[in-house]
N, C-alpha and C. Protein backbone atom coordinates (compact mmCIF):
# COMPACT_ATOMS: atom_id res chain seq x y z
N VAL A 1 -10.31 -20.62 -7.97
CA VAL A 1 -11.87 -20.51 -7.55
C VAL A 1 -12.43 -19.31 -8.08
N ALA A 2 -11.58 -18.08 -8.06
CA ALA A 2 -12.07 -16.85 -8.71
C ALA A 2 -12.54 -16.89 -10.15
N ARG A 3 -11.75 -17.66 -10.75
CA ARG A 3 -11.95 -17.82 -12.24
C ARG A 3 -13.31 -18.46 -12.55
N PHE A 4 -13.77 -19.39 -11.87
CA PHE A 4 -14.68 -20.35 -12.03
C PHE A 4 -16.06 -20.19 -11.35
N ASP A 5 -16.06 -19.44 -10.05
CA ASP A 5 -17.15 -19.72 -9.29
C ASP A 5 -17.32 -18.21 -8.65
N ALA A 6 -18.35 -17.60 -9.32
CA ALA A 6 -18.49 -16.06 -8.92
C ALA A 6 -19.09 -16.17 -7.31
N VAL A 7 -19.86 -17.03 -6.98
CA VAL A 7 -20.38 -16.87 -5.60
C VAL A 7 -19.08 -17.12 -4.52
N GLN A 8 -18.20 -18.17 -4.80
CA GLN A 8 -17.41 -18.21 -4.03
C GLN A 8 -16.18 -17.07 -3.93
N THR A 9 -16.06 -16.40 -5.06
CA THR A 9 -15.17 -15.17 -5.27
C THR A 9 -15.92 -14.20 -4.30
N THR A 10 -17.19 -14.05 -4.25
CA THR A 10 -17.79 -13.12 -3.61
C THR A 10 -17.46 -13.31 -2.09
N ALA A 11 -17.67 -14.55 -1.77
CA ALA A 11 -17.36 -14.85 -0.26
C ALA A 11 -15.95 -14.70 0.00
N PHE A 12 -15.03 -15.03 -0.74
CA PHE A 12 -13.63 -14.67 -0.58
C PHE A 12 -13.53 -13.24 -0.20
N MET A 13 -14.07 -12.36 -1.21
CA MET A 13 -13.97 -10.89 -1.16
C MET A 13 -14.50 -10.39 0.30
N ALA A 14 -15.55 -11.09 0.63
CA ALA A 14 -16.25 -10.63 1.95
C ALA A 14 -15.34 -10.92 3.05
N ARG A 15 -14.50 -12.04 3.00
CA ARG A 15 -13.51 -12.54 3.94
C ARG A 15 -12.14 -12.05 3.83
N GLY A 16 -12.01 -10.84 3.09
CA GLY A 16 -10.54 -10.14 3.23
C GLY A 16 -9.67 -10.81 2.07
N LEU A 17 -10.12 -11.33 0.86
CA LEU A 17 -9.33 -11.68 -0.16
C LEU A 17 -8.32 -10.55 -0.40
N LEU A 18 -8.78 -9.42 -0.80
CA LEU A 18 -7.88 -8.46 -1.25
C LEU A 18 -6.75 -8.06 -0.17
N ASP A 19 -7.06 -8.10 1.21
CA ASP A 19 -5.98 -7.77 2.16
C ASP A 19 -5.02 -9.03 1.92
N ALA A 20 -5.50 -10.39 1.71
CA ALA A 20 -4.43 -11.31 1.55
C ALA A 20 -3.57 -11.16 0.26
N VAL A 21 -4.25 -10.68 -0.85
CA VAL A 21 -3.60 -10.41 -2.18
C VAL A 21 -2.46 -9.38 -1.78
N LYS A 22 -2.86 -8.27 -1.06
CA LYS A 22 -1.88 -7.19 -0.91
C LYS A 22 -0.85 -7.74 -0.01
N ALA A 23 -0.98 -8.54 0.89
CA ALA A 23 0.23 -9.14 1.58
C ALA A 23 1.02 -9.96 0.80
N ALA A 24 0.36 -10.76 -0.05
CA ALA A 24 1.18 -11.44 -0.97
C ALA A 24 2.14 -10.85 -2.10
N LEU A 25 1.57 -9.59 -2.39
CA LEU A 25 2.28 -8.72 -3.44
C LEU A 25 3.43 -8.20 -2.62
N THR A 26 3.71 -8.17 -1.30
CA THR A 26 4.75 -7.85 -0.73
C THR A 26 5.67 -8.88 -0.11
N SER A 27 5.52 -10.20 -0.55
CA SER A 27 6.02 -11.28 -0.20
C SER A 27 7.41 -11.27 -0.73
N ASP A 28 8.32 -11.82 0.02
CA ASP A 28 9.84 -12.11 -0.39
C ASP A 28 10.02 -13.00 -1.55
N HIS A 29 8.89 -13.73 -1.72
CA HIS A 29 9.07 -14.95 -2.70
C HIS A 29 8.25 -14.54 -4.07
N SER A 30 9.03 -14.49 -4.99
CA SER A 30 8.40 -14.04 -6.46
C SER A 30 7.25 -14.93 -6.76
N ILE A 31 7.24 -16.36 -6.47
CA ILE A 31 6.11 -17.05 -6.89
C ILE A 31 4.98 -16.55 -6.31
N VAL A 32 4.99 -16.16 -5.00
CA VAL A 32 3.82 -15.72 -4.25
C VAL A 32 3.41 -14.36 -4.89
N ARG A 33 4.13 -13.49 -5.17
CA ARG A 33 3.81 -12.20 -5.92
C ARG A 33 3.23 -12.60 -7.12
N SER A 34 3.83 -13.32 -7.87
CA SER A 34 3.14 -14.00 -9.14
C SER A 34 1.83 -14.27 -9.06
N SER A 35 1.36 -15.16 -8.28
CA SER A 35 0.19 -15.81 -7.94
C SER A 35 -0.78 -14.71 -7.59
N ALA A 36 -0.40 -13.78 -6.68
CA ALA A 36 -1.20 -12.50 -6.45
C ALA A 36 -1.64 -12.02 -7.73
N LEU A 37 -0.61 -11.70 -8.55
CA LEU A 37 -1.00 -10.90 -9.84
C LEU A 37 -1.98 -11.54 -10.62
N ASP A 38 -1.76 -12.84 -10.59
CA ASP A 38 -2.90 -13.76 -11.33
C ASP A 38 -4.32 -13.48 -10.72
N VAL A 39 -4.46 -13.43 -9.46
CA VAL A 39 -5.78 -13.36 -8.60
C VAL A 39 -6.24 -11.90 -9.20
N LEU A 40 -5.33 -10.84 -9.22
CA LEU A 40 -5.83 -9.53 -9.41
C LEU A 40 -6.21 -9.72 -11.00
N ASP A 41 -5.67 -10.17 -11.77
CA ASP A 41 -6.16 -10.38 -13.13
C ASP A 41 -7.61 -10.82 -13.45
N VAL A 42 -7.74 -11.89 -12.60
CA VAL A 42 -9.10 -12.54 -12.63
C VAL A 42 -10.20 -11.59 -12.04
N LEU A 43 -9.74 -10.96 -10.93
CA LEU A 43 -10.79 -10.06 -10.22
C LEU A 43 -11.06 -8.95 -11.06
N ALA A 44 -10.13 -8.30 -11.97
CA ALA A 44 -10.43 -7.27 -12.90
C ALA A 44 -11.14 -7.62 -13.95
N ASN A 45 -10.48 -8.83 -14.67
CA ASN A 45 -11.14 -9.14 -16.12
C ASN A 45 -12.34 -10.11 -16.13
N VAL A 46 -12.38 -10.89 -15.08
CA VAL A 46 -13.26 -12.01 -15.02
C VAL A 46 -14.69 -11.46 -14.12
N ARG A 47 -14.15 -11.03 -12.95
CA ARG A 47 -15.13 -10.59 -11.88
C ARG A 47 -15.59 -9.12 -11.94
N MET A 48 -14.77 -8.27 -12.65
CA MET A 48 -15.04 -6.92 -12.87
C MET A 48 -15.15 -6.18 -11.47
N GLN A 49 -14.31 -6.49 -10.47
CA GLN A 49 -14.17 -6.01 -9.08
C GLN A 49 -13.44 -4.52 -9.05
N TYR A 50 -13.76 -3.82 -10.16
CA TYR A 50 -12.97 -2.67 -10.18
C TYR A 50 -12.93 -1.71 -8.88
N GLN A 51 -14.00 -1.46 -8.34
CA GLN A 51 -14.13 -0.54 -7.11
C GLN A 51 -13.46 -1.31 -5.99
N ALA A 52 -13.52 -2.56 -5.73
CA ALA A 52 -12.79 -3.20 -4.78
C ALA A 52 -11.22 -3.11 -4.99
N LEU A 53 -10.74 -3.20 -6.10
CA LEU A 53 -9.39 -2.98 -6.27
C LEU A 53 -9.05 -1.65 -6.04
N VAL A 54 -9.79 -0.51 -6.60
CA VAL A 54 -9.30 0.72 -6.18
C VAL A 54 -9.36 1.03 -4.79
N ASN A 55 -10.22 0.56 -4.13
CA ASN A 55 -10.49 0.60 -2.53
C ASN A 55 -9.34 0.06 -1.77
N SER A 56 -8.81 -1.20 -2.30
CA SER A 56 -7.90 -1.97 -1.56
C SER A 56 -6.52 -1.37 -1.55
N SER A 57 -6.15 -0.55 -2.52
CA SER A 57 -4.94 0.07 -2.67
C SER A 57 -3.97 -0.85 -3.21
N VAL A 58 -4.28 -1.78 -4.06
CA VAL A 58 -3.27 -2.79 -4.85
C VAL A 58 -2.84 -1.98 -5.81
N LEU A 59 -3.45 -1.05 -6.35
CA LEU A 59 -2.96 -0.30 -7.74
C LEU A 59 -1.61 0.30 -7.14
N GLU A 60 -1.47 0.87 -5.96
CA GLU A 60 -0.42 1.74 -5.42
C GLU A 60 0.69 0.66 -5.19
N ILE A 61 0.45 -0.56 -4.81
CA ILE A 61 1.38 -1.46 -4.59
C ILE A 61 2.12 -1.85 -5.74
N ILE A 62 1.33 -2.23 -6.94
CA ILE A 62 1.72 -2.41 -8.15
C ILE A 62 2.75 -1.38 -8.83
N ALA A 63 2.36 -0.24 -8.58
CA ALA A 63 2.87 0.98 -9.07
C ALA A 63 4.37 1.13 -8.29
N ASN A 64 4.45 0.63 -7.18
CA ASN A 64 5.66 0.59 -6.34
C ASN A 64 6.44 -0.52 -6.68
N LEU A 65 5.87 -1.65 -7.07
CA LEU A 65 6.70 -2.89 -7.33
C LEU A 65 7.40 -2.58 -8.83
N LEU A 66 6.68 -2.11 -9.75
CA LEU A 66 7.09 -2.19 -11.14
C LEU A 66 8.54 -1.66 -11.26
N PRO A 67 9.04 -0.52 -10.69
CA PRO A 67 10.33 -0.20 -11.11
C PRO A 67 11.46 -0.94 -10.07
N THR A 68 10.90 -1.82 -9.29
CA THR A 68 11.94 -2.40 -8.41
C THR A 68 11.96 -4.09 -8.51
N ASP A 69 10.90 -4.61 -8.90
CA ASP A 69 10.79 -5.99 -8.95
C ASP A 69 10.99 -6.54 -10.31
N GLU A 70 12.47 -6.63 -10.66
CA GLU A 70 12.90 -7.19 -11.86
C GLU A 70 12.62 -8.54 -12.22
N ALA A 71 12.46 -9.38 -11.13
CA ALA A 71 12.04 -10.62 -11.32
C ALA A 71 10.57 -10.93 -12.07
N LEU A 72 9.74 -9.95 -11.68
CA LEU A 72 8.24 -10.21 -12.26
C LEU A 72 7.95 -8.80 -12.93
N ARG A 73 8.88 -8.12 -13.52
CA ARG A 73 8.65 -6.94 -14.22
C ARG A 73 7.68 -7.20 -15.50
N ASN A 74 8.05 -8.26 -16.06
CA ASN A 74 7.22 -8.63 -17.45
C ASN A 74 5.77 -8.96 -16.97
N LYS A 75 5.75 -9.62 -15.75
CA LYS A 75 4.32 -10.07 -15.48
C LYS A 75 3.51 -8.76 -14.83
N LEU A 76 4.22 -7.96 -14.16
CA LEU A 76 3.66 -6.74 -13.83
C LEU A 76 3.05 -6.00 -14.91
N VAL A 77 3.85 -5.89 -15.78
CA VAL A 77 3.53 -5.02 -17.08
C VAL A 77 2.22 -5.57 -17.65
N ASN A 78 2.34 -6.95 -17.73
CA ASN A 78 1.20 -7.81 -18.34
C ASN A 78 -0.18 -7.40 -17.54
N THR A 79 0.14 -7.48 -16.13
CA THR A 79 -1.01 -7.05 -15.24
C THR A 79 -1.58 -5.88 -15.56
N ILE A 80 -0.72 -4.84 -15.44
CA ILE A 80 -0.97 -3.42 -15.82
C ILE A 80 -1.65 -3.17 -17.20
N ASN A 81 -1.12 -3.97 -18.08
CA ASN A 81 -1.82 -4.06 -19.35
C ASN A 81 -3.06 -4.41 -19.29
N SER A 82 -3.38 -5.67 -18.76
CA SER A 82 -4.81 -6.16 -18.36
C SER A 82 -5.71 -5.19 -17.81
N LEU A 83 -5.09 -4.57 -16.43
CA LEU A 83 -6.01 -3.60 -15.81
C LEU A 83 -6.42 -2.54 -16.48
N THR A 84 -5.67 -2.01 -17.52
CA THR A 84 -6.05 -0.82 -18.36
C THR A 84 -7.16 -1.13 -19.36
N GLN A 85 -7.44 -2.46 -19.40
CA GLN A 85 -8.52 -2.70 -20.35
C GLN A 85 -9.91 -2.46 -19.77
N GLY A 86 -9.87 -2.58 -18.16
CA GLY A 86 -11.16 -2.14 -17.51
C GLY A 86 -11.01 -0.63 -17.24
N SER A 87 -11.73 0.11 -18.30
CA SER A 87 -11.78 1.37 -18.25
C SER A 87 -12.05 2.06 -16.85
N ALA A 88 -12.86 1.52 -16.16
CA ALA A 88 -13.15 2.03 -14.83
C ALA A 88 -11.94 2.15 -13.81
N LEU A 89 -10.85 1.38 -14.03
CA LEU A 89 -9.64 1.44 -13.45
C LEU A 89 -8.66 2.56 -13.90
N VAL A 90 -8.92 2.95 -15.13
CA VAL A 90 -7.80 3.95 -15.72
C VAL A 90 -7.60 5.17 -15.06
N ALA A 91 -8.82 5.88 -14.89
CA ALA A 91 -8.75 7.29 -14.13
C ALA A 91 -8.01 7.09 -12.84
N THR A 92 -8.14 6.06 -12.06
CA THR A 92 -7.33 5.91 -10.89
C THR A 92 -6.00 5.72 -11.15
N MET A 93 -5.71 5.03 -12.08
CA MET A 93 -4.32 4.57 -12.42
C MET A 93 -3.64 5.90 -12.99
N VAL A 94 -4.26 6.74 -13.62
CA VAL A 94 -3.72 7.86 -14.23
C VAL A 94 -3.45 8.82 -12.71
N ARG A 95 -4.41 8.84 -11.99
CA ARG A 95 -4.06 9.83 -10.84
C ARG A 95 -3.02 9.26 -10.02
N LEU A 96 -2.63 8.00 -9.89
CA LEU A 96 -1.54 7.47 -9.20
C LEU A 96 -0.36 7.55 -9.84
N GLY A 97 -0.33 8.21 -11.03
CA GLY A 97 1.10 8.39 -11.94
C GLY A 97 1.39 7.21 -12.70
N TYR A 98 0.64 6.34 -13.17
CA TYR A 98 0.91 5.38 -14.10
C TYR A 98 1.55 5.89 -15.46
N ILE A 99 1.11 6.99 -15.94
CA ILE A 99 1.58 7.45 -17.28
C ILE A 99 2.99 7.57 -17.04
N PRO A 100 3.59 8.57 -16.33
CA PRO A 100 5.05 8.63 -16.23
C PRO A 100 5.73 7.37 -15.78
N LEU A 101 4.99 6.37 -15.01
CA LEU A 101 5.76 5.35 -14.64
C LEU A 101 5.95 4.34 -15.91
N LEU A 102 4.77 4.22 -16.64
CA LEU A 102 4.97 3.45 -17.85
C LEU A 102 5.79 4.05 -18.97
N CYS A 103 5.73 5.36 -18.84
CA CYS A 103 6.88 6.09 -19.95
C CYS A 103 8.29 5.89 -19.36
N GLY A 104 8.50 5.88 -18.08
CA GLY A 104 9.91 5.48 -17.49
C GLY A 104 10.36 4.12 -17.73
N GLY A 105 9.13 3.37 -17.75
CA GLY A 105 9.64 1.94 -18.07
C GLY A 105 9.98 1.72 -19.35
N LEU A 106 9.83 2.57 -20.38
CA LEU A 106 10.51 2.46 -21.76
C LEU A 106 12.01 2.29 -21.75
N SER A 107 12.65 2.92 -20.73
CA SER A 107 14.01 2.94 -20.57
C SER A 107 14.51 1.73 -20.31
N TRP A 108 13.70 0.79 -19.83
CA TRP A 108 14.16 -0.68 -19.65
C TRP A 108 14.45 -1.38 -20.77
N PHE A 109 14.15 -0.87 -21.80
CA PHE A 109 14.39 -1.38 -23.24
C PHE A 109 15.93 -2.03 -23.31
N LYS A 110 16.81 -1.32 -22.87
CA LYS A 110 18.05 -1.64 -22.75
C LYS A 110 18.62 -1.41 -21.27
N GLU A 111 18.90 -2.53 -20.75
CA GLU A 111 19.53 -1.97 -19.29
C GLU A 111 20.23 -3.46 -18.81
N PHE A 112 20.98 -3.14 -17.69
CA PHE A 112 21.44 -4.25 -17.12
C PHE A 112 20.57 -5.19 -16.27
N ASP A 113 20.56 -6.36 -16.34
CA ASP A 113 19.42 -7.19 -15.91
C ASP A 113 20.18 -8.23 -14.78
N SER A 114 20.01 -7.76 -13.45
CA SER A 114 20.62 -8.70 -12.56
C SER A 114 20.04 -10.00 -12.54
N VAL A 115 18.67 -10.19 -12.94
CA VAL A 115 18.19 -11.67 -12.73
C VAL A 115 18.85 -12.53 -13.96
N ILE A 116 19.13 -12.03 -15.28
CA ILE A 116 19.96 -12.74 -16.17
C ILE A 116 21.35 -13.01 -15.60
N SER A 117 21.85 -11.97 -14.98
CA SER A 117 23.21 -11.98 -14.45
C SER A 117 23.40 -13.20 -13.38
N GLU A 118 22.43 -13.13 -12.50
CA GLU A 118 22.51 -14.12 -11.25
C GLU A 118 22.18 -15.63 -11.92
N THR A 119 21.14 -15.60 -12.75
CA THR A 119 20.76 -16.73 -13.39
C THR A 119 21.65 -17.57 -14.41
N TYR A 120 22.44 -16.85 -15.18
CA TYR A 120 23.13 -17.41 -16.30
C TYR A 120 24.50 -17.01 -16.04
N ALA A 121 24.98 -16.23 -15.25
CA ALA A 121 26.47 -15.82 -14.98
C ALA A 121 26.77 -14.94 -16.23
N VAL A 122 25.88 -14.22 -16.67
CA VAL A 122 26.25 -13.38 -17.88
C VAL A 122 26.00 -11.83 -17.47
N GLU A 123 27.05 -10.90 -17.51
CA GLU A 123 26.71 -9.50 -17.38
C GLU A 123 26.67 -8.59 -18.71
N GLY A 124 25.80 -7.70 -18.57
CA GLY A 124 25.59 -6.88 -19.81
C GLY A 124 24.30 -6.56 -19.85
N THR A 125 23.93 -5.82 -20.99
CA THR A 125 22.31 -5.39 -21.20
C THR A 125 21.71 -6.44 -21.76
N THR A 126 20.41 -6.22 -21.52
CA THR A 126 19.38 -6.96 -22.33
C THR A 126 18.60 -6.25 -23.19
N PHE A 127 17.83 -6.85 -24.09
CA PHE A 127 16.80 -6.17 -24.87
C PHE A 127 15.57 -6.86 -24.83
N ASN A 128 14.64 -6.11 -24.27
CA ASN A 128 13.21 -6.64 -24.03
C ASN A 128 12.32 -6.03 -25.01
N TYR A 129 12.23 -6.64 -26.05
CA TYR A 129 11.18 -5.85 -27.10
C TYR A 129 9.82 -6.24 -26.67
N GLU A 130 9.50 -7.34 -26.03
CA GLU A 130 8.04 -7.66 -25.63
C GLU A 130 7.50 -6.80 -24.44
N LEU A 131 8.53 -6.32 -23.52
CA LEU A 131 8.19 -5.47 -22.51
C LEU A 131 7.98 -4.23 -22.78
N ILE A 132 8.61 -3.66 -23.98
CA ILE A 132 8.42 -2.46 -24.58
C ILE A 132 6.96 -2.19 -25.22
N SER A 133 6.70 -3.53 -26.11
CA SER A 133 5.37 -3.42 -26.62
C SER A 133 4.43 -3.49 -25.58
N ASP A 134 4.39 -4.33 -24.49
CA ASP A 134 3.29 -4.29 -23.59
C ASP A 134 3.04 -2.97 -22.88
N LEU A 135 4.30 -2.29 -22.61
CA LEU A 135 4.16 -0.98 -22.06
C LEU A 135 3.40 -0.10 -23.07
N VAL A 136 3.94 -0.03 -24.22
CA VAL A 136 3.17 0.88 -25.19
C VAL A 136 1.76 0.66 -25.39
N THR A 137 1.39 -0.66 -25.39
CA THR A 137 0.12 -1.09 -25.36
C THR A 137 -0.77 -0.60 -24.18
N ALA A 138 -0.25 -0.63 -23.14
CA ALA A 138 -0.89 -0.18 -21.74
C ALA A 138 -1.08 1.41 -21.84
N LEU A 139 -0.04 2.14 -22.37
CA LEU A 139 -0.25 3.46 -22.50
C LEU A 139 -1.39 3.75 -23.62
N GLU A 140 -1.22 3.06 -24.61
CA GLU A 140 -2.35 3.32 -25.80
C GLU A 140 -3.65 3.11 -25.11
N SER A 141 -3.87 2.15 -24.25
CA SER A 141 -4.98 2.00 -23.66
C SER A 141 -5.60 2.98 -22.83
N ILE A 142 -4.69 3.57 -21.98
CA ILE A 142 -4.89 4.77 -21.44
C ILE A 142 -5.38 5.84 -22.01
N ILE A 143 -4.51 6.12 -23.07
CA ILE A 143 -4.72 7.35 -23.81
C ILE A 143 -6.23 7.25 -24.69
N MET A 144 -6.48 5.93 -24.89
CA MET A 144 -7.89 5.64 -25.63
C MET A 144 -8.92 5.96 -24.71
N VAL A 145 -8.88 5.42 -23.42
CA VAL A 145 -9.88 5.57 -22.42
C VAL A 145 -9.99 7.23 -22.25
N GLY A 146 -8.97 7.94 -22.20
CA GLY A 146 -8.89 9.42 -22.24
C GLY A 146 -9.69 10.06 -23.22
N GLU A 147 -9.27 9.31 -24.49
CA GLU A 147 -9.83 10.00 -25.51
C GLU A 147 -11.45 9.75 -25.59
N ALA A 148 -11.91 8.70 -25.09
CA ALA A 148 -13.27 8.29 -25.10
C ALA A 148 -14.00 9.45 -23.87
N GLU A 149 -13.17 9.73 -22.71
CA GLU A 149 -13.93 10.52 -21.89
C GLU A 149 -13.80 12.09 -22.57
N ARG A 150 -12.91 12.42 -23.48
CA ARG A 150 -12.96 13.75 -24.06
C ARG A 150 -14.08 13.87 -25.01
N MET A 151 -14.38 12.65 -25.84
CA MET A 151 -15.54 12.87 -26.75
C MET A 151 -16.80 12.83 -25.76
N GLU A 152 -16.93 12.09 -24.80
CA GLU A 152 -18.23 11.87 -24.09
C GLU A 152 -18.34 13.31 -23.38
N GLN A 153 -17.42 13.82 -22.72
CA GLN A 153 -17.72 15.14 -22.01
C GLN A 153 -17.52 16.35 -22.92
N ASN A 154 -17.10 16.07 -24.20
CA ASN A 154 -17.14 17.36 -25.17
C ASN A 154 -15.92 18.29 -24.70
N LEU A 155 -14.72 17.72 -24.24
CA LEU A 155 -13.56 18.54 -23.93
C LEU A 155 -12.86 18.64 -25.25
N SER A 156 -11.98 19.59 -25.03
CA SER A 156 -11.16 20.08 -26.30
C SER A 156 -9.75 19.24 -26.23
N LEU A 157 -9.66 18.45 -24.93
CA LEU A 157 -8.21 17.85 -24.91
C LEU A 157 -8.44 16.85 -24.03
N ASN A 158 -7.71 15.79 -24.30
CA ASN A 158 -7.77 14.40 -23.53
C ASN A 158 -7.06 14.76 -22.20
N PRO A 159 -8.01 14.52 -21.26
CA PRO A 159 -7.65 14.85 -19.83
C PRO A 159 -6.48 14.09 -19.29
N PHE A 160 -6.26 13.00 -19.94
CA PHE A 160 -4.90 12.00 -19.47
C PHE A 160 -3.72 12.57 -20.01
N LEU A 161 -3.88 13.19 -21.12
CA LEU A 161 -2.59 13.92 -21.69
C LEU A 161 -2.00 14.82 -20.86
N LEU A 162 -2.81 15.48 -19.79
CA LEU A 162 -2.19 16.27 -19.09
C LEU A 162 -1.22 15.75 -18.08
N HIS A 163 -1.28 14.50 -17.86
CA HIS A 163 -0.34 13.67 -16.99
C HIS A 163 1.06 13.30 -17.72
N VAL A 164 1.14 13.51 -18.76
CA VAL A 164 2.24 13.14 -19.65
C VAL A 164 3.34 14.46 -19.39
N THR A 165 4.49 14.08 -18.49
CA THR A 165 5.45 14.95 -18.28
C THR A 165 6.50 15.32 -19.28
N PRO A 166 7.28 16.26 -19.02
CA PRO A 166 8.31 16.52 -20.01
C PRO A 166 9.26 15.25 -19.97
N GLU A 167 9.54 14.72 -18.71
CA GLU A 167 10.34 13.83 -18.59
C GLU A 167 9.78 12.51 -19.32
N SER A 168 8.47 12.31 -19.33
CA SER A 168 7.90 11.02 -19.89
C SER A 168 8.03 11.29 -21.29
N VAL A 169 8.08 12.35 -21.97
CA VAL A 169 8.31 12.63 -23.61
C VAL A 169 9.67 12.15 -23.70
N GLY A 170 10.73 12.55 -22.70
CA GLY A 170 12.25 12.18 -23.06
C GLY A 170 12.25 10.70 -22.89
N PHE A 171 11.51 10.09 -22.05
CA PHE A 171 11.77 8.60 -22.15
C PHE A 171 10.98 7.99 -23.33
N ILE A 172 10.01 8.54 -24.06
CA ILE A 172 9.42 8.15 -25.13
C ILE A 172 10.41 8.23 -26.31
N HIS A 173 10.90 9.46 -26.32
CA HIS A 173 12.15 9.93 -27.22
C HIS A 173 13.29 8.79 -27.31
N GLY A 174 13.51 8.57 -26.07
CA GLY A 174 14.83 7.76 -25.72
C GLY A 174 14.45 6.26 -26.38
N ALA A 175 13.41 5.75 -26.03
CA ALA A 175 12.75 4.39 -26.62
C ALA A 175 12.77 4.38 -28.22
N ILE A 176 12.29 5.46 -28.65
CA ILE A 176 12.16 5.65 -30.14
C ILE A 176 13.54 5.80 -30.72
N ALA A 177 14.65 6.56 -30.19
CA ALA A 177 15.87 6.67 -30.75
C ALA A 177 16.65 5.09 -30.48
N GLY A 178 16.28 4.39 -29.38
CA GLY A 178 16.98 3.04 -29.08
C GLY A 178 16.64 2.14 -30.05
């Protein structure tokens, strides 16, 4: 409904849609969490409900899920990548620590993956090139929004680069070395 009917989407928003999405993001079932991410993607990219997303605290929930939800990690990164396209959300995402989080995610390039282990009874590391590409794209989008702010406000430095920690640089170096 959100994708095709703006009037109904507004009605759902007025009746607490984002509260339901927040509850769905904390569900024990990955299919429910996945559907909630689909709704967020539509709200951000089709309905441009940026302020509502910021006010609802769903960005915090996504930030908490990313390092822990192996089953949906790829989809979470895709959602984050999608949310960074709406520059109105990027400043909030940076404030919430998404730059170090995404840089830390670069270390997932090669890791033990319990989902693969449980599904295919194979133990060992996995190599997820698409995940790394999506993480880098999200980081690039954030930095580009910061660069636009720098130019618009006539600043000497991209304000978002101040959120790149030494640990983040280490993760970037590790991904490049890997």
